[in-house]
Amino acid sequence: MSNKVWFVTGASKGMGLALVKQLLNSGHKVAATSRNVDELVKQAGGLNNNLLPLQVNIGSDREVKDALLRTIITFGQLDVVVNNAGYAIYGSMEELSDQEFRDSVEINLFAMANVIRNAMPYLRQQRSGHIFNFSSIAGYRGYGSAGAYDAVKFAVVGLSEALAEEAKPFGVNVTVVAPGFFRTSFLDKGSMKMAAHRIEGYNTAGIENWMKEMDGKQSGDPQKLAKLLVDITAEINPPVHLFAGPDAYQIRKEKATTDLNNLEVWKHLTLSTDFDNQ
């Protein structure tokens, strides 16, 4: 497989870091974004001619545009974009403040749009490339006390489906990645937050305790997922939806079955709304 130029957001920890390390070990060139480039370089194994560490606030359209331009200037091209940066905030909708919800949308959705908006001109003009947008299995099934996280991850799925149609005529592939639980630092190093305000009766504390108990016991191997992303870029017709992990597969299958059953149960109401229906 020929080496490519990758642009990876949220690269200093978790899935992003696992991917960056594997790409560098395989000889690919990587432009990697983080709020702390010193930590990024340290975690990635030190300075490397194939690594372009970029301190970027991905919530800033200008900073994202500059980072992509630096990538092109440094490596001469852009082949794969990985929108990995993000975090989860848990709490009932009543507990979450307006600012907490808006901050989640800003980083998990609007920042991704910044990257796509500024990467597409390069990919469109060269008529090739691949964009990976990280969602979650929570982008296909809503969970109580995770409404803010579910909302942005559902949005990423819809955005990715639309982008896949828009980009296909230009030879650009789009894949939305929906992982289950993978054994990264996601649950212990700032990628998971809880609503500051708590209301008795909601299960927010139970969710928090469950997440802490799950930390370090996740079944998913981030190295295997990283390799899978690399392999998919070589596919002629890569999937638009990539579910990662047996847990993600099972959850998605059960949700699809439930949705189809409910569609049939309430079919009589669904079909009753046309003018022609008596």
Protein backbone atom coordinates (compact mmCIF):
# COMPACT_ATOMS: atom_id res chain seq x y z
CA MET A 1 0.00 0.00 0.00
CA SER A 2 1.40 3.39 -0.98
CA ASN A 3 2.06 5.79 1.84
CA LYS A 4 -0.41 8.61 2.26
CA VAL A 5 -0.69 11.98 3.98
CA TRP A 6 -3.11 11.85 6.89
CA PHE A 7 -4.67 14.73 8.85
CA VAL A 8 -5.81 13.55 12.30
CA THR A 9 -7.58 15.65 14.92
CA GLY A 10 -7.51 14.91 18.63
CA ALA A 11 -4.20 13.12 18.20
CA SER A 12 -2.51 13.37 21.61
CA LYS A 13 -4.53 10.65 23.35
CA GLY A 14 -7.03 7.88 22.89
CA MET A 15 -7.94 6.54 19.47
CA GLY A 16 -6.25 9.47 17.72
CA LEU A 17 -2.91 8.72 19.34
CA ALA A 18 -3.17 5.00 18.58
CA LEU A 19 -3.80 5.81 14.94
CA VAL A 20 -0.95 8.35 14.70
CA LYS A 21 1.55 5.87 16.15
CA GLN A 22 0.50 3.13 13.77
CA LEU A 23 0.62 5.46 10.77
CA LEU A 24 4.13 6.67 11.61
CA ASN A 25 5.33 3.11 12.18
CA SER A 26 4.01 2.22 8.71
CA GLY A 27 5.79 5.12 7.01
CA HIS A 28 2.80 7.35 6.40
CA LYS A 29 3.03 11.14 6.80
CA VAL A 30 0.82 12.58 9.52
CA ALA A 31 -0.37 16.07 10.32
CA ALA A 32 -1.73 15.72 13.84
CA THR A 33 -3.66 18.32 15.81
CA SER A 34 -3.78 18.90 19.53
CA ARG A 35 -4.15 21.77 21.96
CA ASN A 36 -0.77 20.74 23.40
CA VAL A 37 1.85 19.93 20.76
CA ASP A 38 4.58 19.14 23.30
CA GLU A 39 2.42 16.41 24.78
CA LEU A 40 1.50 15.21 21.30
CA VAL A 41 5.15 14.87 20.23
CA LYS A 42 6.03 13.13 23.50
CA GLN A 43 3.17 10.64 23.25
CA ALA A 44 3.84 10.01 19.55
CA GLY A 45 7.42 8.95 20.28
CA GLY A 46 9.37 12.16 19.72
CA LEU A 47 10.21 14.30 16.74
CA ASN A 48 9.80 12.63 13.36
CA ASN A 49 10.18 13.97 9.82
CA ASN A 50 6.89 12.31 8.93
CA LEU A 51 5.03 13.99 11.80
CA LEU A 52 3.71 17.54 11.59
CA PRO A 53 2.41 18.44 15.06
CA LEU A 54 -0.12 21.25 14.93
CA GLN A 55 -1.47 23.24 17.85
CA VAL A 56 -5.02 23.91 16.73
CA ASN A 57 -8.26 24.97 18.30
CA ILE A 58 -10.49 23.04 15.92
CA GLY A 59 -13.41 25.21 17.01
CA SER A 60 -11.75 28.04 15.06
CA ASP A 61 -12.40 27.93 11.34
CA ARG A 62 -9.34 30.12 10.72
CA GLU A 63 -6.99 27.90 12.73
CA VAL A 64 -8.28 24.78 10.98
CA LYS A 65 -7.82 26.41 7.57
CA ASP A 66 -4.25 27.41 8.46
CA ALA A 67 -3.46 23.91 9.73
CA LEU A 68 -4.60 22.28 6.51
CA LEU A 69 -2.60 24.78 4.45
CA ARG A 70 0.51 23.96 6.52
CA THR A 71 -0.13 20.28 5.84
CA ILE A 72 -0.19 20.87 2.10
CA ILE A 73 2.91 23.08 2.21
CA THR A 74 4.82 20.54 4.32
CA PHE A 75 3.82 17.27 2.67
CA GLY A 76 2.60 18.41 -0.76
CA GLN A 77 -0.78 16.73 -0.64
CA LEU A 78 -3.68 15.53 1.52
CA ASP A 79 -5.11 12.04 1.25
CA VAL A 80 -6.99 11.07 4.40
CA VAL A 81 -8.80 13.22 6.98
CA VAL A 82 -9.75 11.74 10.35
CA ASN A 83 -12.20 13.75 12.45
CA ASN A 84 -11.52 12.10 15.77
CA ALA A 85 -11.43 14.98 18.29
CA GLY A 86 -14.27 15.19 20.76
CA TYR A 87 -15.52 14.40 24.22
CA ALA A 88 -18.62 13.09 25.98
CA ILE A 89 -20.65 14.86 28.61
CA TYR A 90 -23.21 12.94 30.65
CA GLY A 91 -26.23 14.17 32.53
CA SER A 92 -29.98 14.35 32.05
CA MET A 93 -31.31 17.07 29.79
CA GLU A 94 -32.65 18.87 32.86
CA GLU A 95 -29.27 18.74 34.59
CA LEU A 96 -27.20 19.95 31.64
CA SER A 97 -26.74 23.69 31.46
CA ASP A 98 -27.20 25.64 28.23
CA GLN A 99 -23.45 26.26 28.10
CA GLU A 100 -22.54 22.60 28.69
CA PHE A 101 -24.80 21.52 25.84
CA ARG A 102 -23.55 24.24 23.49
CA ASP A 103 -19.90 23.44 24.26
CA SER A 104 -20.53 19.82 23.33
CA VAL A 105 -22.05 20.81 19.99
CA GLU A 106 -19.21 23.26 19.35
CA ILE A 107 -16.42 20.69 19.68
CA ASN A 108 -18.15 17.50 18.59
CA LEU A 109 -20.02 18.86 15.58
CA PHE A 110 -19.16 22.43 14.53
CA ALA A 111 -15.41 21.75 14.77
CA MET A 112 -15.82 18.70 12.53
CA ALA A 113 -17.66 20.88 10.03
CA ASN A 114 -14.72 23.31 10.10
CA VAL A 115 -12.33 20.52 9.12
CA ILE A 116 -14.59 19.17 6.37
CA ARG A 117 -15.28 22.63 4.93
CA ASN A 118 -11.58 23.41 4.65
CA ALA A 119 -10.36 19.97 3.57
CA MET A 120 -12.85 19.38 0.76
CA PRO A 121 -11.37 21.96 -1.66
CA TYR A 122 -8.06 20.04 -1.71
CA LEU A 123 -9.70 16.62 -2.00
CA ARG A 124 -12.23 17.80 -4.59
CA GLN A 125 -9.60 19.39 -6.81
CA GLN A 126 -7.35 16.32 -6.77
CA ARG A 127 -10.45 14.10 -7.18
CA SER A 128 -9.41 11.62 -4.53
CA GLY A 129 -9.27 11.17 -0.79
CA HIS A 130 -11.05 9.70 2.20
CA ILE A 131 -12.75 11.34 5.18
CA PHE A 132 -13.37 9.42 8.40
CA ASN A 133 -15.83 10.99 10.83
CA PHE A 134 -15.91 9.46 14.30
CA SER A 135 -19.38 9.04 15.68
CA SER A 136 -20.24 6.31 18.20
CA ILE A 137 -22.74 3.51 18.60
CA ALA A 138 -24.49 6.25 20.62
CA GLY A 139 -25.06 7.90 17.24
CA TYR A 140 -27.53 5.13 16.39
CA ARG A 141 -29.22 4.49 19.73
CA GLY A 142 -30.05 7.12 22.32
CA TYR A 143 -29.21 6.50 25.98
CA GLY A 144 -30.64 8.19 29.05
CA SER A 145 -28.25 10.62 30.77
CA ALA A 146 -26.34 10.93 27.49
CA GLY A 147 -28.65 13.19 25.52
CA ALA A 148 -26.01 15.80 24.66
CA TYR A 149 -23.57 13.12 23.49
CA ASP A 150 -26.25 11.22 21.59
CA ALA A 151 -27.40 14.41 19.87
CA VAL A 152 -24.01 15.28 18.39
CA LYS A 153 -23.18 11.70 17.45
CA PHE A 154 -26.53 11.26 15.69
CA ALA A 155 -25.78 14.51 13.86
CA VAL A 156 -22.37 13.21 12.77
CA VAL A 157 -24.07 10.20 11.17
CA GLY A 158 -26.47 12.37 9.18
CA LEU A 159 -23.73 14.80 8.20
CA SER A 160 -21.56 11.92 7.00
CA GLU A 161 -24.32 10.34 4.92
CA ALA A 162 -24.97 13.68 3.20
CA LEU A 163 -21.27 14.34 2.69
CA ALA A 164 -20.79 10.88 1.19
CA GLU A 165 -23.32 11.72 -1.53
CA GLU A 166 -21.80 15.14 -2.17
CA ALA A 167 -18.20 13.94 -2.29
CA LYS A 168 -18.60 10.71 -4.28
CA PRO A 169 -18.71 12.38 -7.72
CA PHE A 170 -15.27 13.85 -6.98
CA GLY A 171 -13.72 10.50 -6.07
CA VAL A 172 -13.76 11.27 -2.35
CA ASN A 173 -14.97 8.56 0.03
CA VAL A 174 -16.61 9.17 3.39
CA THR A 175 -16.90 6.72 6.28
CA VAL A 176 -18.61 7.37 9.59
CA VAL A 177 -17.03 5.23 12.32
CA ALA A 178 -19.25 3.98 15.14
CA PRO A 179 -17.15 2.30 17.82
CA GLY A 180 -18.40 0.47 20.85
CA PHE A 181 -16.19 0.55 23.93
CA PHE A 182 -12.46 0.57 23.16
CA ARG A 183 -9.67 0.44 25.72
CA THR A 184 -8.30 3.97 25.38
CA SER A 185 -7.95 6.88 27.79
CA PHE A 186 -11.42 8.14 26.78
CA LEU A 187 -12.90 7.38 30.20
CA ASP A 188 -10.08 8.69 32.37
CA LYS A 189 -8.27 11.67 30.82
CA GLY A 190 -10.66 14.51 30.28
CA SER A 191 -12.63 13.07 27.38
CA MET A 192 -15.54 12.26 29.68
CA LYS A 193 -17.32 14.98 31.64
CA MET A 194 -20.35 15.06 33.89
CA ALA A 195 -23.00 17.74 34.27
CA ALA A 196 -22.01 20.12 37.05
CA HIS A 197 -25.58 20.32 38.36
CA ARG A 198 -27.16 17.17 39.78
CA ILE A 199 -30.85 16.50 40.46
CA GLU A 200 -31.96 13.71 42.77
CA GLY A 201 -33.86 10.96 41.00
CA TYR A 202 -31.91 10.92 37.75
CA ASN A 203 -29.40 8.15 37.09
CA THR A 204 -26.42 10.41 36.35
CA ALA A 205 -24.44 9.15 39.35
CA GLY A 206 -25.11 5.57 38.27
CA ILE A 207 -23.81 6.31 34.77
CA GLU A 208 -20.68 7.94 36.23
CA ASN A 209 -19.98 4.95 38.48
CA TRP A 210 -20.58 2.52 35.63
CA MET A 211 -18.13 4.40 33.40
CA LYS A 212 -15.47 4.36 36.12
CA GLU A 213 -16.01 0.64 36.58
CA MET A 214 -15.73 0.09 32.82
CA ASP A 215 -12.45 2.03 32.52
CA GLY A 216 -9.60 -0.31 31.60
CA LYS A 217 -11.95 -3.22 30.94
CA GLN A 218 -13.23 -2.22 27.50
CA SER A 219 -13.10 -5.11 25.04
CA GLY A 220 -12.10 -3.11 21.96
CA ASP A 221 -8.45 -3.03 20.83
CA PRO A 222 -7.56 0.47 19.50
CA GLN A 223 -4.61 -0.90 17.52
CA LYS A 224 -6.91 -3.20 15.58
CA LEU A 225 -9.30 -0.36 14.82
CA ALA A 226 -6.41 1.85 13.71
CA LYS A 227 -5.22 -0.86 11.31
CA LEU A 228 -8.76 -1.28 10.05
CA LEU A 229 -8.96 2.40 9.11
CA VAL A 230 -5.70 2.15 7.17
CA ASP A 231 -6.89 -0.97 5.36
CA ILE A 232 -10.23 0.60 4.43
CA THR A 233 -8.50 3.44 2.57
CA ALA A 234 -7.33 0.82 0.07
CA GLU A 235 -10.87 -0.40 -0.64
CA ILE A 236 -12.42 0.58 -3.97
CA ASN A 237 -15.88 0.87 -2.42
CA PRO A 238 -15.37 1.44 1.30
CA PRO A 239 -18.35 1.42 3.67
CA VAL A 240 -20.17 4.62 4.52
CA HIS A 241 -21.02 3.12 7.93
CA LEU A 242 -18.34 1.24 9.88
CA PHE A 243 -19.43 -0.35 13.15
CA ALA A 244 -16.43 -1.24 15.28
CA GLY A 245 -16.62 -4.01 17.84
CA PRO A 246 -19.00 -6.88 18.61
CA ASP A 247 -20.82 -4.66 21.11
CA ALA A 248 -21.46 -2.03 18.43
CA TYR A 249 -22.67 -4.72 16.03
CA GLN A 250 -25.09 -6.19 18.53
CA ILE A 251 -26.48 -2.84 19.65
CA ARG A 252 -26.99 -1.67 16.07
CA LYS A 253 -28.67 -4.94 15.08
CA GLU A 254 -31.06 -4.85 18.04
CA LYS A 255 -31.93 -1.19 17.37
CA ALA A 256 -32.62 -1.88 13.68
CA THR A 257 -34.91 -4.76 14.61
CA THR A 258 -36.78 -2.65 17.16
CA ASP A 259 -37.18 0.21 14.67
CA LEU A 260 -38.57 -2.10 11.97
CA ASN A 261 -41.00 -3.71 14.43
CA ASN A 262 -42.25 -0.33 15.63
CA LEU A 263 -42.62 0.84 12.04
CA GLU A 264 -45.02 -2.02 11.37
CA VAL A 265 -46.88 -1.68 14.69
CA TRP A 266 -47.71 1.95 13.98
CA LYS A 267 -48.00 1.61 10.20
CA HIS A 268 -51.76 2.29 10.28
CA LEU A 269 -51.13 5.73 11.78
CA THR A 270 -48.19 6.47 9.51
CA LEU A 271 -50.25 5.80 6.38
CA SER A 272 -53.30 7.71 7.61
CA THR A 273 -52.00 11.22 7.05
CA ASP A 274 -52.29 11.66 3.26
CA PHE A 275 -55.16 13.66 1.69
CA ASP A 276 -56.16 10.58 -0.31
CA ASN A 277 -56.43 8.39 2.77
CA GLN A 278 -60.03 8.07 4.01
